[in-house]
Protein backbone atom coordinates (compact mmCIF):
# COMPACT_ATOMS: atom_id res chain seq x y z
CA MET A 1 68.27 22.69 111.39
CA SER A 2 64.92 22.06 109.75
CA ALA A 3 62.71 25.16 109.61
CA ARG A 4 59.47 23.21 109.51
CA VAL A 5 57.46 23.07 112.72
CA ALA A 6 54.93 20.21 112.65
CA SER A 7 51.92 19.85 114.92
CA GLY A 8 53.12 16.40 115.96
CA LEU A 9 55.46 13.53 115.15
CA ASP A 10 56.03 13.09 111.43
CA ILE A 11 58.89 10.78 110.49
CA ALA A 12 58.91 12.14 106.94
CA ALA A 13 59.84 15.57 108.32
CA SER A 14 62.59 14.28 110.62
CA GLU A 15 66.38 14.25 110.33
CA LEU A 16 68.91 11.56 111.27
CA VAL A 17 70.79 12.34 114.49
CA ILE A 18 72.46 9.10 115.63
CA ALA A 19 72.98 6.24 113.17
CA ALA A 20 72.37 2.62 114.12
CA PRO A 21 75.51 0.81 115.37
CA GLY A 22 75.03 -1.95 112.76
CA SER A 23 72.74 -3.19 110.02
CA GLY A 24 69.73 -5.40 110.70
CA ASP A 25 67.33 -6.23 113.50
CA GLY A 26 68.74 -5.77 117.01
CA TYR A 27 71.36 -3.12 116.12
CA TRP A 28 69.78 -0.11 117.72
CA ALA A 29 70.70 3.42 118.64
CA GLY A 30 67.76 4.61 120.69
CA GLY A 31 66.09 5.37 123.99
CA PRO A 32 66.94 9.08 123.69
CA SER A 33 66.59 11.47 126.63
CA ALA A 34 67.02 15.15 125.78
CA TRP A 35 67.72 18.25 127.85
CA TRP A 36 68.08 21.87 126.72
CA HIS A 37 70.10 24.46 128.67
CA ASP A 38 71.51 27.86 127.70
CA GLY A 39 70.88 27.22 124.02
CA VAL A 40 72.68 23.85 124.01
CA PHE A 41 71.04 20.47 123.44
CA TYR A 42 72.17 17.51 125.53
CA LEU A 43 71.22 13.97 124.60
CA ALA A 44 71.64 10.65 126.42
CA TYR A 45 70.88 7.44 124.55
CA ARG A 46 71.37 3.67 124.50
CA LEU A 47 73.41 1.58 122.05
CA ARG A 48 72.37 -2.03 121.57
CA ARG A 49 73.42 -5.16 119.71
CA PRO A 50 71.26 -8.28 119.13
CA VAL A 51 70.46 -10.43 122.17
CA ASP A 52 73.12 -13.03 121.36
CA SER A 53 75.75 -10.29 120.80
CA GLY A 54 75.51 -8.34 124.03
CA ARG A 55 72.17 -6.48 124.10
CA GLY A 56 72.32 -2.91 125.48
CA TYR A 57 76.04 -2.25 125.85
CA ALA A 58 76.42 1.50 126.45
CA ASN A 59 74.69 4.71 127.48
CA VAL A 60 76.14 7.75 125.70
CA VAL A 61 75.93 11.43 126.67
CA ALA A 62 76.38 13.99 123.88
CA ARG A 63 75.92 17.72 123.19
CA SER A 64 74.89 19.87 120.22
CA THR A 65 74.47 23.55 119.46
CA ASN A 66 72.00 22.98 116.62
CA GLY A 67 70.06 19.98 117.95
CA VAL A 68 71.07 17.73 115.05
CA THR A 69 74.86 17.26 115.00
CA PHE A 70 76.14 15.84 118.30
CA GLU A 71 79.57 15.35 119.83
CA THR A 72 80.06 12.61 122.44
CA LEU A 73 80.90 13.80 125.94
CA CYS A 74 81.14 10.41 127.68
CA SER A 75 79.99 6.81 127.45
CA VAL A 76 78.97 4.41 130.23
CA ASP A 77 79.71 0.75 129.48
CA LYS A 78 77.44 -2.01 130.80
CA ASP A 79 80.40 -3.95 132.21
CA VAL A 80 81.40 -0.98 134.37
CA LEU A 81 77.87 -0.94 135.79
CA ASP A 82 77.84 -4.74 136.26
CA THR A 83 74.59 -5.27 134.37
CA ALA A 84 73.36 -7.72 131.75
CA SER A 85 71.95 -4.92 129.61
CA LEU A 86 71.31 -1.19 129.58
CA GLU A 87 68.07 0.42 128.46
CA ARG A 88 66.82 3.98 128.12
CA PRO A 89 68.64 6.52 130.34
CA ALA A 90 67.20 9.81 131.63
CA LEU A 91 69.37 12.93 131.64
CA VAL A 92 68.60 16.00 133.78
CA ARG A 93 70.38 19.15 134.91
CA ARG A 94 69.93 19.43 138.66
CA PRO A 95 68.61 22.67 140.22
CA ASP A 96 72.05 23.22 141.84
CA GLY A 97 73.72 23.24 138.40
CA GLY A 98 75.08 19.69 138.45
CA TRP A 99 73.93 16.84 136.22
CA ARG A 100 72.29 13.48 136.84
CA LEU A 101 71.98 10.44 134.58
CA PHE A 102 69.43 7.79 135.52
CA VAL A 103 70.41 4.37 134.11
CA SER A 104 68.18 1.29 133.64
CA LEU A 105 70.04 -1.87 134.66
CA SER A 106 69.12 -5.50 133.92
CA THR A 107 69.87 -7.91 136.77
CA PRO A 108 71.96 -10.79 135.33
CA GLY A 109 70.12 -14.10 135.04
CA SER A 110 66.66 -12.67 135.63
CA LYS A 111 63.88 -10.50 134.18
CA HIS A 112 64.39 -7.95 136.94
CA TRP A 113 65.42 -4.33 136.24
CA ARG A 114 66.32 -1.49 138.58
CA ILE A 115 67.25 2.19 138.15
CA ASP A 116 70.44 3.81 139.48
CA CYS A 117 71.74 7.32 138.92
CA LEU A 118 75.13 8.90 138.31
CA ASP A 119 75.84 12.47 139.52
CA ALA A 120 78.57 14.85 138.35
CA ASP A 121 79.23 18.58 138.14
CA ASP A 122 79.72 18.36 134.37
CA PRO A 123 77.86 16.10 131.89
CA ALA A 124 81.20 14.96 130.46
CA GLU A 125 82.03 13.44 133.88
CA LEU A 126 78.84 11.41 134.35
CA ALA A 127 80.47 8.09 133.43
CA THR A 128 82.57 8.31 136.61
CA GLY A 129 79.99 10.16 138.69
CA THR A 130 78.68 9.32 142.15
CA ARG A 131 76.36 6.33 141.91
CA THR A 132 73.13 5.82 143.88
CA VAL A 133 70.44 3.14 143.71
CA VAL A 134 67.22 5.11 143.17
CA TRP A 135 64.46 2.63 142.28
CA PRO A 136 65.53 -0.93 143.21
CA GLY A 137 62.35 -2.67 142.07
CA ASP A 138 61.47 -5.86 143.91
CA ALA A 139 60.67 -9.54 143.41
CA ASP A 140 57.30 -8.68 141.86
CA THR A 141 58.17 -5.66 139.71
CA ALA A 142 60.92 -4.63 137.31
CA VAL A 143 61.40 -0.86 136.86
CA LYS A 144 63.09 0.88 133.94
CA ASP A 145 62.95 3.62 131.27
CA PRO A 146 62.27 6.63 133.55
CA VAL A 147 61.05 9.97 132.23
CA VAL A 148 62.19 12.68 134.66
CA LEU A 149 61.21 16.38 134.82
CA ILE A 150 62.05 19.16 137.28
CA ASP A 151 59.45 21.90 137.77
CA ALA A 152 60.04 25.63 138.20
CA ASP A 153 60.08 25.26 142.01
CA GLY A 154 62.73 22.52 141.95
CA GLY A 155 60.32 19.63 142.49
CA TRP A 156 61.14 16.35 140.75
CA HIS A 157 58.60 14.30 138.79
CA ALA A 158 59.06 10.87 137.19
CA TRP A 159 57.11 8.38 135.14
CA ILE A 160 58.46 4.82 135.54
CA CYS A 161 57.79 1.84 133.30
CA CYS A 162 56.80 -1.12 135.50
CA HIS A 163 56.90 -4.77 134.39
CA PRO A 164 55.12 -7.36 136.59
CA LEU A 165 57.27 -10.42 137.34
CA THR A 166 54.58 -12.53 138.99
CA GLU A 167 53.76 -14.67 135.93
CA PRO A 168 56.69 -16.39 134.16
CA GLY A 169 56.71 -15.67 130.45
CA GLU A 170 54.49 -12.61 130.84
CA GLU A 171 57.15 -10.14 131.98
CA ASP A 172 56.91 -7.94 128.88
CA ARG A 173 53.59 -6.45 130.06
CA MET A 174 54.00 -2.82 131.07
CA THR A 175 52.27 0.02 132.87
CA THR A 176 53.49 3.49 133.89
CA ARG A 177 53.54 4.73 137.47
CA TYR A 178 54.17 8.30 138.62
CA ALA A 179 56.60 9.29 141.43
CA SER A 180 57.64 12.60 143.02
CA SER A 181 60.66 13.79 144.99
CA ALA A 182 62.26 16.83 146.60
CA ASP A 183 65.81 15.87 145.62
CA GLY A 184 65.57 13.26 142.85
CA LEU A 185 67.07 10.54 145.07
CA GLN A 186 64.35 9.71 147.60
CA TRP A 187 61.05 9.22 145.79
CA THR A 188 57.42 8.81 146.81
CA TRP A 189 55.33 6.56 144.60
CA GLY A 190 52.05 7.90 143.26
CA GLU A 191 49.37 6.32 141.13
CA THR A 192 49.62 4.10 138.11
CA VAL A 193 48.83 6.79 135.53
CA LEU A 194 48.85 4.78 132.29
CA GLU A 195 47.90 1.15 131.82
CA PRO A 196 46.65 -0.88 128.85
CA GLY A 197 43.01 -1.54 128.11
CA ALA A 198 41.39 -4.85 127.25
CA ALA A 199 41.68 -4.34 123.48
CA GLY A 200 43.43 -2.28 120.86
CA TRP A 201 46.87 -1.81 119.32
CA ASP A 202 48.39 -1.14 122.79
CA ARG A 203 46.56 -3.74 124.88
CA ARG A 204 49.81 -5.43 126.02
CA GLY A 205 51.44 -2.35 127.49
CA ARG A 206 51.66 1.43 127.64
CA ARG A 207 54.87 3.26 128.59
CA VAL A 208 55.13 7.05 128.97
CA ALA A 209 57.86 8.32 126.64
CA THR A 210 57.79 12.13 126.99
CA VAL A 211 55.75 14.72 128.89
CA LEU A 212 55.06 18.27 127.68
CA GLN A 213 53.48 20.55 130.28
CA GLN A 214 51.14 23.22 128.91
CA PRO A 215 50.73 26.82 130.20
CA ASP A 216 47.54 25.84 132.08
CA GLY A 217 49.37 23.00 133.91
CA ALA A 218 47.88 20.20 131.84
CA VAL A 219 50.19 17.65 130.23
CA GLN A 220 50.39 16.14 126.77
CA VAL A 221 52.20 12.82 126.50
CA TYR A 222 53.62 10.58 123.84
CA TYR A 223 53.65 6.95 124.95
CA ASP A 224 54.87 3.61 123.58
CA GLY A 225 52.38 0.80 123.06
CA ARG A 226 52.41 -2.82 122.05
CA ALA A 227 49.65 -5.28 121.16
CA ASP A 228 51.27 -8.55 122.22
CA ALA A 229 54.50 -10.16 123.40
CA GLY A 230 55.73 -10.39 119.81
CA GLU A 231 55.84 -6.60 119.66
CA ASN A 232 58.27 -6.36 122.59
CA TRP A 233 61.04 -4.02 121.29
CA TYR A 234 58.84 -2.97 118.33
CA GLU A 235 56.50 -0.45 119.93
CA ARG A 236 54.69 2.37 118.15
CA THR A 237 53.74 5.78 119.52
CA GLY A 238 50.39 6.97 120.90
CA LEU A 239 49.11 10.21 122.43
CA ALA A 240 47.60 10.83 125.88
CA THR A 241 46.66 13.84 128.00
CA GLY A 242 46.37 14.64 131.70
CA LYS A 243 45.08 17.46 133.88
CA SER A 244 48.41 17.98 135.69
CA LEU A 245 51.76 16.44 136.50
CA GLY A 246 51.01 13.18 138.28
CA SER A 247 47.44 12.88 137.04
CA VAL A 248 45.99 9.75 135.47
CA LEU A 249 46.37 9.99 131.69
CA ALA A 250 43.62 9.63 129.11
CA VAL A 251 44.54 8.08 125.76
CA VAL A 252 43.63 10.14 122.69
CA GLY A 253 42.20 8.13 119.79
CA ASP A 254 42.31 4.41 119.09
CA ALA A 255 45.37 4.16 116.80
CA PRO A 256 49.08 5.01 116.88
CA VAL A 257 49.91 8.60 115.95
CA ALA A 258 53.40 7.75 114.66
CA GLN A 259 55.22 4.71 113.32
CA SER A 260 58.02 3.81 110.94
CA ASP A 261 57.47 2.48 107.44
CA HIS A 262 60.04 -0.26 108.16
CA SER A 263 60.52 -3.36 110.35
CA ARG A 264 57.23 -3.82 112.17
CA HIS A 265 56.77 -0.03 112.14
CA THR A 266 58.91 0.59 115.23
CA LEU A 267 58.86 4.20 116.44
CA ARG A 268 59.29 4.66 120.18
CA TYR A 269 60.99 6.46 123.08
CA ALA A 270 60.12 10.00 122.01
CA SER A 271 61.84 12.70 124.10
CA ALA A 272 60.95 16.37 123.65
CA VAL A 273 62.51 19.57 125.00
CA GLN A 274 60.42 22.71 125.04
CA LEU A 275 61.89 25.73 123.25
CA PRO A 276 60.82 29.37 122.99
CA ALA A 277 57.88 30.55 120.90
CA GLY A 278 55.71 27.50 121.50
CA THR A 279 57.99 25.00 119.81
CA ALA A 280 59.77 21.84 120.92
CA ARG A 281 62.50 19.63 119.49
CA ILE A 282 61.68 15.97 119.71
CA TYR A 283 63.98 12.96 119.41
CA PHE A 284 62.82 9.41 118.84
CA GLU A 285 64.00 5.91 117.97
CA ALA A 286 62.75 4.50 114.66
CA ALA A 287 63.44 1.51 112.44
CA ASN A 288 65.24 2.04 109.13
CA GLU A 289 65.09 -0.02 105.96
CA THR A 290 67.54 -2.65 107.29
CA GLY A 291 65.56 -3.31 110.47
CA ALA A 292 68.12 -1.48 112.61
CA ASN A 293 66.95 1.46 114.75
CA GLU A 294 68.32 5.00 114.62
CA ILE A 295 67.64 8.26 116.44
CA ARG A 296 65.86 10.99 114.48
CA THR A 297 64.67 14.50 115.34
CA GLN A 298 62.24 17.19 114.22
CA LEU A 299 60.76 20.49 115.36
CA ILE A 300 57.16 20.30 116.58
CA SER A 301 54.63 22.49 118.31
CA SER A 302 54.86 22.27 122.10
CA SER A 303 51.09 21.57 122.05
CA ILE A 304 50.93 18.19 120.33
CA ALA A 305 47.26 17.47 120.99
CA ASP A 306 45.89 20.41 118.98
């Protein structure tokens, strides 16, 4: 485990966690979602091939005692879930001690996405867990890539990436909407908390990637942004802050705070777990020298906006 604790994302200080499933553009290990419990790190992530070779084909759940070297617990195949492609999952330990995996599912033959969940007593059993449709989306909106937190009182909070489907060819646009729940199955929509501006490196879309709550209740957020349709799948990472869980987020600065040195500078889907002594371990998807994406990790301060 690296001893260095950085103030924020720094790819040069990171370590490889999950290698890409192939070499070249479109072979991606990514979309990590991390959870930390009783000194053990749990990680769910997506494996993907190029569009003409199957797209997102599996969600994997793994565990680690050091946060870097993971063993696979189970894998969920897209064919089992009857979907055209899988995207970023979200892994949580329920307040009752069970586990839940939210999965993003592409509706075959369309641009529509919805979010289901799988429940099991043990994370190794999630692939065959009880399945529930959680966010179905609708004819006007595709929903995917949830970020899910549970507060100290057992309340559930989520940030959902929403893609408007009302204009053909423009479906890659994205905003983030907040939702809350008492049980993580029945949700109440809140405000759109992050949306793109009229200009800038992220004017095409902004997607919340990870949320770190501070001792005063404020939140610090890494988000994914893209400038145009050509940057779909090649997002970089920005920073935003909010006054509380569910509050509208304010973007910090006018440039990405993290990107790769390779393949359109892709660095996205950050997922951080807060650790003792004001630190956090963050996982993220980043392009390597072949154009494939891999999952990397580093230790950071749990206050990333300092």
